[in-house]
N, C-alpha and C. Protein backbone atom coordinates (compact mmCIF):
# COMPACT_ATOMS: atom_id res chain seq x y z
N UNK A 1 -5.96 7.26 21.77
CA UNK A 1 -7.24 7.14 21.14
C UNK A 1 -7.46 8.34 20.30
N UNK A 2 -8.09 8.15 19.12
CA UNK A 2 -8.40 9.20 18.20
C UNK A 2 -9.81 9.67 18.48
N UNK A 3 -10.02 10.99 18.58
CA UNK A 3 -11.35 11.56 18.68
C UNK A 3 -11.49 12.64 17.62
N UNK A 4 -12.38 12.44 16.67
CA UNK A 4 -12.64 13.40 15.67
C UNK A 4 -14.07 13.88 15.80
N UNK A 5 -14.20 15.10 16.41
CA UNK A 5 -15.54 15.64 16.58
C UNK A 5 -15.83 16.85 15.68
N UNK A 6 -14.74 17.35 15.13
CA UNK A 6 -14.86 18.46 14.14
C UNK A 6 -13.96 18.09 12.97
N UNK A 7 -14.54 17.95 11.76
CA UNK A 7 -13.78 17.50 10.67
C UNK A 7 -12.97 18.65 10.00
N UNK A 8 -13.53 19.77 9.85
CA UNK A 8 -12.74 20.86 9.30
C UNK A 8 -12.18 21.75 10.40
N UNK A 9 -10.91 22.13 10.23
CA UNK A 9 -10.26 22.89 11.25
C UNK A 9 -9.78 24.28 10.70
N UNK A 10 -9.73 24.41 9.43
CA UNK A 10 -9.22 25.59 8.75
C UNK A 10 -7.71 25.81 8.85
N UNK A 11 -7.03 24.90 9.56
CA UNK A 11 -5.59 25.03 9.75
C UNK A 11 -4.82 24.77 8.42
N UNK A 12 -5.45 24.11 7.46
CA UNK A 12 -4.76 23.81 6.25
C UNK A 12 -5.14 24.75 5.10
N UNK A 13 -5.84 25.81 5.40
CA UNK A 13 -6.32 26.74 4.37
C UNK A 13 -5.17 27.43 3.65
N UNK A 14 -4.03 27.57 4.27
CA UNK A 14 -2.89 28.25 3.65
C UNK A 14 -1.96 27.25 2.93
N UNK A 15 -2.44 25.97 2.79
CA UNK A 15 -1.60 25.04 2.00
C UNK A 15 -0.59 24.23 2.83
N UNK A 16 -0.76 24.24 4.18
CA UNK A 16 0.11 23.46 5.00
C UNK A 16 -0.70 22.43 5.81
N UNK A 17 -0.02 21.40 6.28
CA UNK A 17 -0.65 20.36 7.10
C UNK A 17 0.29 20.00 8.23
N UNK A 18 -0.23 19.38 9.26
CA UNK A 18 0.61 18.95 10.38
C UNK A 18 1.04 17.49 10.19
N UNK A 19 2.32 17.26 10.50
CA UNK A 19 2.84 15.88 10.46
C UNK A 19 2.50 15.21 11.83
N UNK A 20 2.92 13.93 11.96
CA UNK A 20 2.62 13.20 13.18
C UNK A 20 3.32 13.77 14.39
N UNK A 21 4.41 14.50 14.21
CA UNK A 21 5.12 15.11 15.33
C UNK A 21 4.70 16.52 15.55
N UNK A 22 3.68 17.02 14.81
CA UNK A 22 3.18 18.37 15.02
C UNK A 22 3.82 19.44 14.13
N UNK A 23 4.88 19.08 13.45
CA UNK A 23 5.55 20.06 12.55
C UNK A 23 4.59 20.36 11.41
N UNK A 24 4.68 21.59 10.91
CA UNK A 24 3.81 22.05 9.78
C UNK A 24 4.67 22.01 8.54
N UNK A 25 4.11 21.46 7.43
CA UNK A 25 4.81 21.34 6.17
C UNK A 25 3.79 21.66 5.09
N UNK A 26 4.31 21.99 3.88
CA UNK A 26 3.48 22.21 2.72
C UNK A 26 2.76 20.94 2.36
N UNK A 27 1.55 21.07 1.91
CA UNK A 27 0.70 19.90 1.57
C UNK A 27 1.32 19.19 0.33
N UNK A 28 2.15 19.86 -0.42
CA UNK A 28 2.78 19.21 -1.60
C UNK A 28 4.23 18.71 -1.23
N UNK A 29 4.56 18.62 0.01
CA UNK A 29 5.91 18.14 0.41
C UNK A 29 6.05 16.70 -0.02
N UNK A 30 7.31 16.27 -0.13
CA UNK A 30 7.61 14.88 -0.48
C UNK A 30 6.99 13.91 0.50
N UNK A 31 7.07 14.21 1.76
CA UNK A 31 6.54 13.35 2.82
C UNK A 31 5.03 13.21 2.73
N UNK A 32 4.32 14.35 2.53
CA UNK A 32 2.84 14.28 2.42
C UNK A 32 2.42 13.54 1.15
N UNK A 33 3.19 13.71 0.08
CA UNK A 33 2.89 13.00 -1.13
C UNK A 33 3.04 11.52 -0.93
N UNK A 34 4.08 11.09 -0.20
CA UNK A 34 4.29 9.65 0.03
C UNK A 34 3.17 9.07 0.85
N UNK A 35 2.83 9.66 1.99
CA UNK A 35 1.78 9.02 2.78
C UNK A 35 0.38 9.31 2.21
N UNK A 36 0.20 10.36 1.36
CA UNK A 36 -1.03 10.55 0.65
C UNK A 36 -1.25 9.45 -0.40
N UNK A 37 -0.18 9.00 -1.02
CA UNK A 37 -0.31 7.97 -2.00
C UNK A 37 -0.59 6.62 -1.32
N UNK A 38 -0.05 6.41 -0.13
CA UNK A 38 -0.41 5.22 0.66
C UNK A 38 -1.91 5.28 0.98
N UNK A 39 -2.45 6.46 1.32
CA UNK A 39 -3.85 6.57 1.61
C UNK A 39 -4.68 6.28 0.39
N UNK A 40 -4.22 6.75 -0.79
CA UNK A 40 -4.90 6.45 -2.08
C UNK A 40 -4.92 4.94 -2.31
N UNK A 41 -3.82 4.27 -2.03
CA UNK A 41 -3.78 2.83 -2.15
C UNK A 41 -4.80 2.17 -1.22
N UNK A 42 -4.91 2.64 -0.03
CA UNK A 42 -5.85 2.12 0.93
C UNK A 42 -7.28 2.25 0.41
N UNK A 43 -7.59 3.37 -0.21
CA UNK A 43 -8.94 3.58 -0.80
C UNK A 43 -9.15 2.59 -1.97
N UNK A 44 -8.13 2.35 -2.80
CA UNK A 44 -8.28 1.38 -3.88
C UNK A 44 -8.53 -0.02 -3.31
N UNK A 45 -7.90 -0.34 -2.18
CA UNK A 45 -8.14 -1.64 -1.55
C UNK A 45 -9.59 -1.74 -1.07
N UNK A 46 -10.11 -0.61 -0.56
CA UNK A 46 -11.50 -0.63 -0.17
C UNK A 46 -12.44 -0.93 -1.31
N UNK A 47 -12.14 -0.43 -2.49
CA UNK A 47 -12.94 -0.73 -3.66
C UNK A 47 -12.80 -2.21 -4.04
N UNK A 48 -11.61 -2.76 -3.96
CA UNK A 48 -11.38 -4.16 -4.30
C UNK A 48 -12.21 -5.02 -3.32
N UNK A 49 -12.30 -4.60 -2.08
CA UNK A 49 -13.02 -5.43 -1.08
C UNK A 49 -14.51 -5.55 -1.44
N UNK A 50 -15.03 -4.64 -2.20
CA UNK A 50 -16.42 -4.80 -2.61
C UNK A 50 -16.70 -6.03 -3.41
N UNK A 51 -15.63 -6.59 -3.97
CA UNK A 51 -15.70 -7.82 -4.79
C UNK A 51 -15.13 -9.03 -4.14
N UNK A 52 -14.62 -8.88 -2.91
CA UNK A 52 -13.87 -9.96 -2.23
C UNK A 52 -14.82 -10.58 -1.17
N UNK A 53 -14.52 -11.83 -0.81
CA UNK A 53 -15.21 -12.43 0.35
C UNK A 53 -14.25 -13.40 0.99
N UNK A 54 -14.62 -13.95 2.12
CA UNK A 54 -13.86 -14.98 2.81
C UNK A 54 -12.46 -14.59 3.14
N UNK A 55 -11.58 -15.51 2.85
CA UNK A 55 -10.14 -15.31 3.19
C UNK A 55 -9.52 -14.10 2.47
N UNK A 56 -9.90 -13.92 1.17
CA UNK A 56 -9.36 -12.80 0.44
C UNK A 56 -9.74 -11.49 1.08
N UNK A 57 -11.02 -11.36 1.51
CA UNK A 57 -11.49 -10.15 2.15
C UNK A 57 -10.75 -9.94 3.45
N UNK A 58 -10.55 -10.98 4.22
CA UNK A 58 -9.80 -10.88 5.47
C UNK A 58 -8.39 -10.41 5.28
N UNK A 59 -7.74 -10.92 4.22
CA UNK A 59 -6.38 -10.48 3.91
C UNK A 59 -6.32 -9.03 3.47
N UNK A 60 -7.30 -8.64 2.71
CA UNK A 60 -7.37 -7.24 2.25
C UNK A 60 -7.66 -6.29 3.46
N UNK A 61 -8.50 -6.78 4.36
CA UNK A 61 -8.74 -5.95 5.59
C UNK A 61 -7.44 -5.81 6.41
N UNK A 62 -6.66 -6.82 6.47
CA UNK A 62 -5.37 -6.74 7.22
C UNK A 62 -4.43 -5.73 6.51
N UNK A 63 -4.42 -5.76 5.17
CA UNK A 63 -3.62 -4.87 4.41
C UNK A 63 -4.05 -3.43 4.63
N UNK A 64 -5.38 -3.20 4.67
CA UNK A 64 -5.89 -1.83 4.90
C UNK A 64 -5.39 -1.38 6.29
N UNK A 65 -5.38 -2.20 7.28
CA UNK A 65 -4.90 -1.80 8.57
C UNK A 65 -3.40 -1.50 8.54
N UNK A 66 -2.65 -2.37 7.83
CA UNK A 66 -1.20 -2.11 7.66
C UNK A 66 -0.94 -0.78 6.97
N UNK A 67 -1.80 -0.45 5.99
CA UNK A 67 -1.58 0.77 5.23
C UNK A 67 -1.81 1.97 6.13
N UNK A 68 -2.73 1.86 7.09
CA UNK A 68 -2.88 2.94 8.07
C UNK A 68 -1.61 3.04 8.90
N UNK A 69 -1.08 1.89 9.37
CA UNK A 69 0.19 1.86 10.11
C UNK A 69 1.27 2.55 9.28
N UNK A 70 1.35 2.20 7.99
CA UNK A 70 2.37 2.77 7.11
C UNK A 70 2.19 4.27 6.97
N UNK A 71 0.95 4.74 6.84
CA UNK A 71 0.75 6.18 6.74
C UNK A 71 1.15 6.90 8.03
N UNK A 72 0.86 6.29 9.18
CA UNK A 72 1.33 6.84 10.47
C UNK A 72 2.84 6.88 10.53
N UNK A 73 3.49 5.83 10.04
CA UNK A 73 4.99 5.74 10.00
C UNK A 73 5.50 6.89 9.16
N UNK A 74 4.99 7.02 7.92
CA UNK A 74 5.56 7.97 7.00
C UNK A 74 5.22 9.44 7.38
N UNK A 75 4.16 9.64 8.13
CA UNK A 75 3.80 11.04 8.49
C UNK A 75 4.57 11.55 9.69
N UNK A 76 5.39 10.66 10.28
CA UNK A 76 6.17 11.04 11.48
C UNK A 76 7.68 10.91 11.16
N UNK A 77 8.38 12.03 11.01
CA UNK A 77 9.82 11.99 10.74
C UNK A 77 10.56 11.22 11.85
N UNK A 78 11.65 10.55 11.44
CA UNK A 78 12.47 9.83 12.39
C UNK A 78 13.22 10.82 13.29
N UNK A 79 13.30 10.53 14.55
CA UNK A 79 14.07 11.33 15.58
C UNK A 79 14.93 10.33 16.32
N UNK A 80 16.10 10.85 16.75
CA UNK A 80 17.00 9.96 17.59
C UNK A 80 16.26 9.66 18.87
N UNK A 81 16.49 8.48 19.39
CA UNK A 81 15.94 8.01 20.67
C UNK A 81 14.43 8.02 20.71
N UNK A 82 13.79 7.79 19.56
CA UNK A 82 12.35 7.79 19.56
C UNK A 82 11.78 6.62 20.29
N UNK A 83 12.54 5.48 20.37
CA UNK A 83 12.06 4.30 21.00
C UNK A 83 11.91 4.52 22.49
N UNK A 84 12.65 5.42 23.02
CA UNK A 84 12.58 5.71 24.46
C UNK A 84 11.56 6.79 24.80
N UNK A 85 10.89 7.35 23.79
CA UNK A 85 9.90 8.44 24.03
C UNK A 85 8.70 7.85 24.73
N UNK A 86 8.05 8.71 25.46
CA UNK A 86 6.83 8.30 26.21
C UNK A 86 5.82 7.68 25.31
N UNK A 87 5.69 8.26 24.09
CA UNK A 87 4.76 7.74 23.11
C UNK A 87 5.53 7.53 21.80
N UNK A 88 6.24 6.39 21.64
CA UNK A 88 7.00 6.20 20.44
C UNK A 88 6.12 6.15 19.21
N UNK A 89 6.54 6.68 18.11
CA UNK A 89 5.69 6.65 16.86
C UNK A 89 5.50 5.25 16.39
N UNK A 90 4.39 5.06 15.73
CA UNK A 90 4.06 3.75 15.15
C UNK A 90 4.95 3.54 13.95
N UNK A 91 5.60 2.44 13.82
CA UNK A 91 6.44 2.11 12.69
C UNK A 91 6.01 0.77 12.13
N UNK A 92 6.11 0.58 10.83
CA UNK A 92 5.99 -0.74 10.18
C UNK A 92 7.10 -1.61 10.66
N UNK A 93 6.86 -2.91 10.94
CA UNK A 93 7.90 -3.82 11.41
C UNK A 93 8.02 -4.98 10.48
N UNK A 94 9.08 -5.73 10.61
CA UNK A 94 9.46 -6.83 9.70
C UNK A 94 8.36 -7.91 9.69
N UNK A 95 7.67 -8.15 10.77
CA UNK A 95 6.65 -9.23 10.78
C UNK A 95 5.53 -8.92 9.82
N UNK A 96 5.26 -7.64 9.55
CA UNK A 96 4.26 -7.27 8.59
C UNK A 96 4.71 -7.62 7.16
N UNK A 97 5.96 -7.42 6.89
CA UNK A 97 6.54 -7.79 5.59
C UNK A 97 6.54 -9.32 5.47
N UNK A 98 6.93 -10.02 6.53
CA UNK A 98 7.02 -11.47 6.45
C UNK A 98 5.63 -12.06 6.23
N UNK A 99 4.55 -11.50 6.83
CA UNK A 99 3.18 -11.98 6.58
C UNK A 99 2.83 -11.88 5.12
N UNK A 100 3.19 -10.77 4.47
CA UNK A 100 2.91 -10.60 3.05
C UNK A 100 3.67 -11.65 2.20
N UNK A 101 4.94 -11.90 2.58
CA UNK A 101 5.73 -12.92 1.87
C UNK A 101 5.12 -14.30 1.99
N UNK A 102 4.64 -14.66 3.18
CA UNK A 102 4.02 -15.98 3.44
C UNK A 102 2.72 -16.08 2.60
N UNK A 103 1.97 -15.03 2.54
CA UNK A 103 0.72 -15.04 1.79
C UNK A 103 0.99 -15.13 0.27
N UNK A 104 2.04 -14.43 -0.18
CA UNK A 104 2.40 -14.49 -1.59
C UNK A 104 2.83 -15.93 -1.98
N UNK A 105 3.65 -16.54 -1.13
CA UNK A 105 4.09 -17.91 -1.39
C UNK A 105 2.96 -18.90 -1.42
N UNK A 106 1.98 -18.72 -0.51
CA UNK A 106 0.81 -19.61 -0.46
C UNK A 106 -0.03 -19.45 -1.72
N UNK A 107 -0.31 -18.22 -2.10
CA UNK A 107 -1.13 -18.01 -3.29
C UNK A 107 -0.41 -18.52 -4.58
N UNK A 108 0.89 -18.22 -4.65
CA UNK A 108 1.65 -18.54 -5.82
C UNK A 108 1.81 -20.03 -6.03
N UNK A 109 1.77 -20.84 -4.91
CA UNK A 109 1.98 -22.25 -5.04
C UNK A 109 0.98 -22.94 -5.93
N UNK A 110 -0.24 -22.40 -6.04
CA UNK A 110 -1.27 -23.02 -6.89
C UNK A 110 -1.25 -22.50 -8.30
N UNK A 111 -0.35 -21.64 -8.64
CA UNK A 111 -0.33 -21.03 -9.99
C UNK A 111 0.79 -21.64 -10.86
N UNK A 112 0.48 -21.67 -12.16
CA UNK A 112 1.51 -22.09 -13.13
C UNK A 112 2.48 -20.93 -13.30
N UNK A 113 3.74 -21.25 -13.62
CA UNK A 113 4.68 -20.19 -13.90
C UNK A 113 4.21 -19.33 -15.11
N UNK A 114 4.51 -18.04 -15.03
CA UNK A 114 4.12 -17.19 -16.19
C UNK A 114 5.05 -17.40 -17.34
N UNK A 115 4.44 -17.46 -18.52
CA UNK A 115 5.21 -17.59 -19.79
C UNK A 115 4.91 -16.42 -20.71
N UNK A 116 4.15 -15.45 -20.17
CA UNK A 116 3.73 -14.27 -20.95
C UNK A 116 3.46 -13.14 -19.93
N UNK A 117 3.58 -11.92 -20.34
CA UNK A 117 3.04 -10.87 -19.50
C UNK A 117 1.57 -10.92 -19.48
N UNK A 118 0.98 -10.44 -18.42
CA UNK A 118 -0.49 -10.45 -18.36
C UNK A 118 -1.03 -9.06 -18.40
N UNK A 119 -2.29 -8.92 -18.86
CA UNK A 119 -2.96 -7.64 -18.91
C UNK A 119 -3.78 -7.47 -17.60
N UNK A 120 -3.82 -6.26 -17.12
CA UNK A 120 -4.70 -6.02 -15.94
C UNK A 120 -6.18 -6.21 -16.32
N UNK A 121 -6.84 -7.12 -15.62
CA UNK A 121 -8.20 -7.36 -15.92
C UNK A 121 -8.61 -8.73 -15.50
N UNK A 122 -9.60 -9.28 -16.14
CA UNK A 122 -10.17 -10.54 -15.78
C UNK A 122 -11.45 -10.33 -14.99
N UNK A 123 -11.51 -10.85 -13.78
CA UNK A 123 -12.67 -10.66 -12.92
C UNK A 123 -12.63 -9.22 -12.40
N UNK A 124 -13.80 -8.72 -11.87
CA UNK A 124 -13.80 -7.39 -11.28
C UNK A 124 -12.78 -7.30 -10.14
N UNK A 125 -12.70 -8.35 -9.30
CA UNK A 125 -11.76 -8.30 -8.16
C UNK A 125 -10.34 -8.21 -8.69
N UNK A 126 -10.02 -9.07 -9.72
CA UNK A 126 -8.61 -9.05 -10.20
C UNK A 126 -8.29 -7.68 -10.83
N UNK A 127 -9.24 -7.11 -11.54
CA UNK A 127 -8.99 -5.80 -12.11
C UNK A 127 -8.69 -4.72 -11.02
N UNK A 128 -9.54 -4.80 -9.98
CA UNK A 128 -9.28 -3.84 -8.86
C UNK A 128 -7.92 -4.10 -8.15
N UNK A 129 -7.52 -5.38 -8.04
CA UNK A 129 -6.23 -5.70 -7.46
C UNK A 129 -5.13 -5.20 -8.27
N UNK A 130 -5.28 -5.22 -9.59
CA UNK A 130 -4.24 -4.61 -10.48
C UNK A 130 -4.18 -3.12 -10.26
N UNK A 131 -5.28 -2.46 -10.07
CA UNK A 131 -5.23 -1.03 -9.74
C UNK A 131 -4.52 -0.80 -8.45
N UNK A 132 -4.83 -1.63 -7.48
CA UNK A 132 -4.10 -1.53 -6.15
C UNK A 132 -2.60 -1.67 -6.38
N UNK A 133 -2.23 -2.63 -7.23
CA UNK A 133 -0.79 -2.89 -7.51
C UNK A 133 -0.13 -1.63 -8.04
N UNK A 134 -0.82 -0.95 -9.01
CA UNK A 134 -0.17 0.18 -9.62
C UNK A 134 -0.07 1.37 -8.63
N UNK A 135 -1.06 1.51 -7.78
CA UNK A 135 -1.04 2.61 -6.84
C UNK A 135 0.05 2.31 -5.74
N UNK A 136 0.15 1.02 -5.36
CA UNK A 136 1.17 0.67 -4.43
C UNK A 136 2.60 0.87 -4.98
N UNK A 137 2.80 0.61 -6.29
CA UNK A 137 4.09 0.90 -6.93
C UNK A 137 4.38 2.42 -6.91
N UNK A 138 3.32 3.25 -7.16
CA UNK A 138 3.54 4.68 -7.10
C UNK A 138 3.87 5.12 -5.65
N UNK A 139 3.19 4.53 -4.70
CA UNK A 139 3.50 4.86 -3.32
C UNK A 139 4.94 4.44 -2.95
N UNK A 140 5.38 3.36 -3.51
CA UNK A 140 6.77 2.94 -3.31
C UNK A 140 7.76 3.96 -3.92
N UNK A 141 7.45 4.40 -5.12
CA UNK A 141 8.32 5.41 -5.78
C UNK A 141 8.35 6.70 -4.98
N UNK A 142 7.25 7.14 -4.48
CA UNK A 142 7.14 8.37 -3.69
C UNK A 142 7.89 8.19 -2.36
N UNK A 143 7.75 7.01 -1.80
CA UNK A 143 8.46 6.79 -0.50
C UNK A 143 10.00 6.65 -0.74
N UNK A 144 10.40 6.14 -1.82
CA UNK A 144 11.82 6.10 -2.15
C UNK A 144 12.37 7.50 -2.41
N UNK A 145 11.51 8.37 -2.98
CA UNK A 145 11.95 9.74 -3.17
C UNK A 145 12.11 10.42 -1.84
N UNK A 146 11.19 10.14 -0.92
CA UNK A 146 11.36 10.68 0.43
C UNK A 146 12.65 10.14 1.08
N UNK A 147 12.86 8.83 0.90
CA UNK A 147 14.05 8.19 1.49
C UNK A 147 15.35 8.75 0.94
N UNK A 148 15.28 9.37 -0.19
CA UNK A 148 16.51 9.93 -0.79
C UNK A 148 16.95 11.24 -0.06
N UNK A 149 16.00 11.80 0.70
CA UNK A 149 16.36 13.08 1.39
C UNK A 149 16.15 12.99 2.92
N UNK A 150 15.40 12.05 3.38
CA UNK A 150 15.12 11.87 4.83
C UNK A 150 15.14 10.38 5.17
N UNK A 151 15.25 10.11 6.46
CA UNK A 151 15.30 8.72 6.90
C UNK A 151 13.92 8.14 6.78
N UNK A 152 13.83 6.96 6.21
CA UNK A 152 12.56 6.18 6.14
C UNK A 152 12.94 4.79 6.61
N UNK A 153 12.14 4.21 7.50
CA UNK A 153 12.46 2.86 7.97
C UNK A 153 12.49 1.81 6.92
N UNK A 154 13.44 0.94 6.93
CA UNK A 154 13.62 -0.12 5.96
C UNK A 154 12.34 -1.01 5.87
N UNK A 155 11.71 -1.34 7.02
CA UNK A 155 10.53 -2.19 6.85
C UNK A 155 9.39 -1.50 6.07
N UNK A 156 9.28 -0.22 6.16
CA UNK A 156 8.25 0.54 5.40
C UNK A 156 8.53 0.40 3.91
N UNK A 157 9.73 0.54 3.52
CA UNK A 157 10.11 0.41 2.09
C UNK A 157 9.83 -1.00 1.60
N UNK A 158 10.32 -2.02 2.41
CA UNK A 158 10.10 -3.41 2.03
C UNK A 158 8.61 -3.72 1.94
N UNK A 159 7.84 -3.17 2.89
CA UNK A 159 6.41 -3.53 2.87
C UNK A 159 5.74 -3.04 1.56
N UNK A 160 6.06 -1.90 1.08
CA UNK A 160 5.48 -1.39 -0.18
C UNK A 160 5.98 -2.22 -1.32
N UNK A 161 7.22 -2.68 -1.35
CA UNK A 161 7.68 -3.50 -2.45
C UNK A 161 6.98 -4.87 -2.44
N UNK A 162 6.81 -5.45 -1.28
CA UNK A 162 6.13 -6.74 -1.20
C UNK A 162 4.64 -6.59 -1.52
N UNK A 163 4.07 -5.42 -1.10
CA UNK A 163 2.62 -5.25 -1.32
C UNK A 163 2.26 -5.25 -2.76
N UNK A 164 3.01 -4.58 -3.57
CA UNK A 164 2.68 -4.60 -5.02
C UNK A 164 2.80 -6.04 -5.54
N UNK A 165 3.82 -6.79 -5.10
CA UNK A 165 3.89 -8.18 -5.49
C UNK A 165 2.70 -9.01 -5.01
N UNK A 166 2.26 -8.71 -3.78
CA UNK A 166 1.09 -9.37 -3.27
C UNK A 166 -0.13 -9.14 -4.13
N UNK A 167 -0.34 -7.89 -4.51
CA UNK A 167 -1.54 -7.58 -5.35
C UNK A 167 -1.44 -8.31 -6.72
N UNK A 168 -0.24 -8.38 -7.24
CA UNK A 168 -0.05 -9.08 -8.55
C UNK A 168 -0.42 -10.54 -8.41
N UNK A 169 0.13 -11.23 -7.38
CA UNK A 169 -0.12 -12.64 -7.25
C UNK A 169 -1.60 -12.88 -6.85
N UNK A 170 -2.10 -11.97 -6.02
CA UNK A 170 -3.54 -12.19 -5.71
C UNK A 170 -4.42 -12.04 -6.87
N UNK A 171 -4.12 -11.10 -7.79
CA UNK A 171 -4.91 -10.96 -9.01
C UNK A 171 -4.82 -12.19 -9.84
N UNK A 172 -3.65 -12.78 -9.94
CA UNK A 172 -3.50 -14.05 -10.68
C UNK A 172 -4.29 -15.17 -10.01
N UNK A 173 -4.23 -15.24 -8.67
CA UNK A 173 -4.99 -16.28 -7.97
C UNK A 173 -6.51 -16.14 -8.22
N UNK A 174 -6.97 -14.92 -8.16
CA UNK A 174 -8.38 -14.69 -8.38
C UNK A 174 -8.79 -15.09 -9.81
N UNK A 175 -7.98 -14.66 -10.82
CA UNK A 175 -8.29 -15.02 -12.21
C UNK A 175 -8.12 -16.55 -12.45
N UNK A 176 -7.19 -17.17 -11.73
CA UNK A 176 -6.98 -18.59 -11.85
C UNK A 176 -8.26 -19.37 -11.48
N UNK A 177 -8.93 -18.94 -10.44
CA UNK A 177 -10.20 -19.57 -10.02
C UNK A 177 -11.30 -19.32 -11.05
N UNK A 178 -11.16 -18.29 -11.88
CA UNK A 178 -12.18 -17.94 -12.86
C UNK A 178 -11.79 -18.34 -14.27
N UNK A 179 -10.69 -19.08 -14.43
CA UNK A 179 -10.33 -19.58 -15.79
C UNK A 179 -9.00 -19.21 -16.30
N UNK A 180 -8.27 -18.29 -15.61
CA UNK A 180 -6.91 -17.97 -15.99
C UNK A 180 -6.65 -16.52 -16.22
N UNK A 181 -5.34 -16.28 -16.41
CA UNK A 181 -4.88 -14.87 -16.64
C UNK A 181 -5.31 -14.33 -17.99
N UNK A 182 -5.33 -13.03 -18.12
CA UNK A 182 -5.57 -12.35 -19.40
C UNK A 182 -4.19 -12.10 -19.94
N UNK A 183 -3.82 -12.81 -20.95
CA UNK A 183 -2.46 -12.76 -21.50
C UNK A 183 -2.29 -11.62 -22.56
N UNK A 184 -1.09 -10.99 -22.50
CA UNK A 184 -0.69 -10.01 -23.46
C UNK A 184 -0.32 -10.77 -24.73
N UNK A 185 -0.82 -10.29 -25.88
CA UNK A 185 -0.44 -10.81 -27.18
C UNK A 185 0.36 -9.71 -27.87
N UNK A 186 1.67 -9.82 -27.93
CA UNK A 186 2.51 -8.80 -28.55
C UNK A 186 2.10 -8.56 -30.02
N UNK A 187 1.88 -7.31 -30.34
CA UNK A 187 1.58 -6.92 -31.72
C UNK A 187 0.27 -7.40 -32.21
N UNK A 188 -0.68 -7.72 -31.31
CA UNK A 188 -2.01 -8.27 -31.69
C UNK A 188 -2.81 -7.35 -32.60
N UNK A 189 -2.58 -6.09 -32.54
CA UNK A 189 -3.42 -5.17 -33.32
C UNK A 189 -2.70 -4.49 -34.42
N UNK A 190 -1.63 -5.11 -34.91
CA UNK A 190 -0.87 -4.52 -36.02
C UNK A 190 -1.64 -4.62 -37.31
């Protein structure tokens, strides 16, 4: 259980923070940048939820919870035999990736194939989902940068890749209900 009774601790005043395993690292480390960008994505999802209701809001709430799981995963370096530990670290698992894939397929089934690139925008919810998509892509890039020097679980990487796809398809689904995508017109302002 988490208990936060004092918000500031002064332990980060010298530019370091604690990882999930207690190790201290620079706040600008690759690992902190990766899970910090996941946190930023979660905040963007919170903004999108201001415009969502019903099933879409429930799906976004599930994604927010997953993003906390992902942050917990990324803030704890892999150690051998961690599964046997008294308190194994929380890791993203394949079923979370599979859920995103199922939801993408369900939303995409009602959409026409794309014949043009689309512009981020449309309804307020769709515009926010596009912002979520771009932040998720950045989180994926930062996580891949971390994975180039340290072990990162494959489900965590897959989750971020599917998540940006989920936001893209969700934005299309939302705009579809409101009249359609905002299409890119190449060279429109020449």
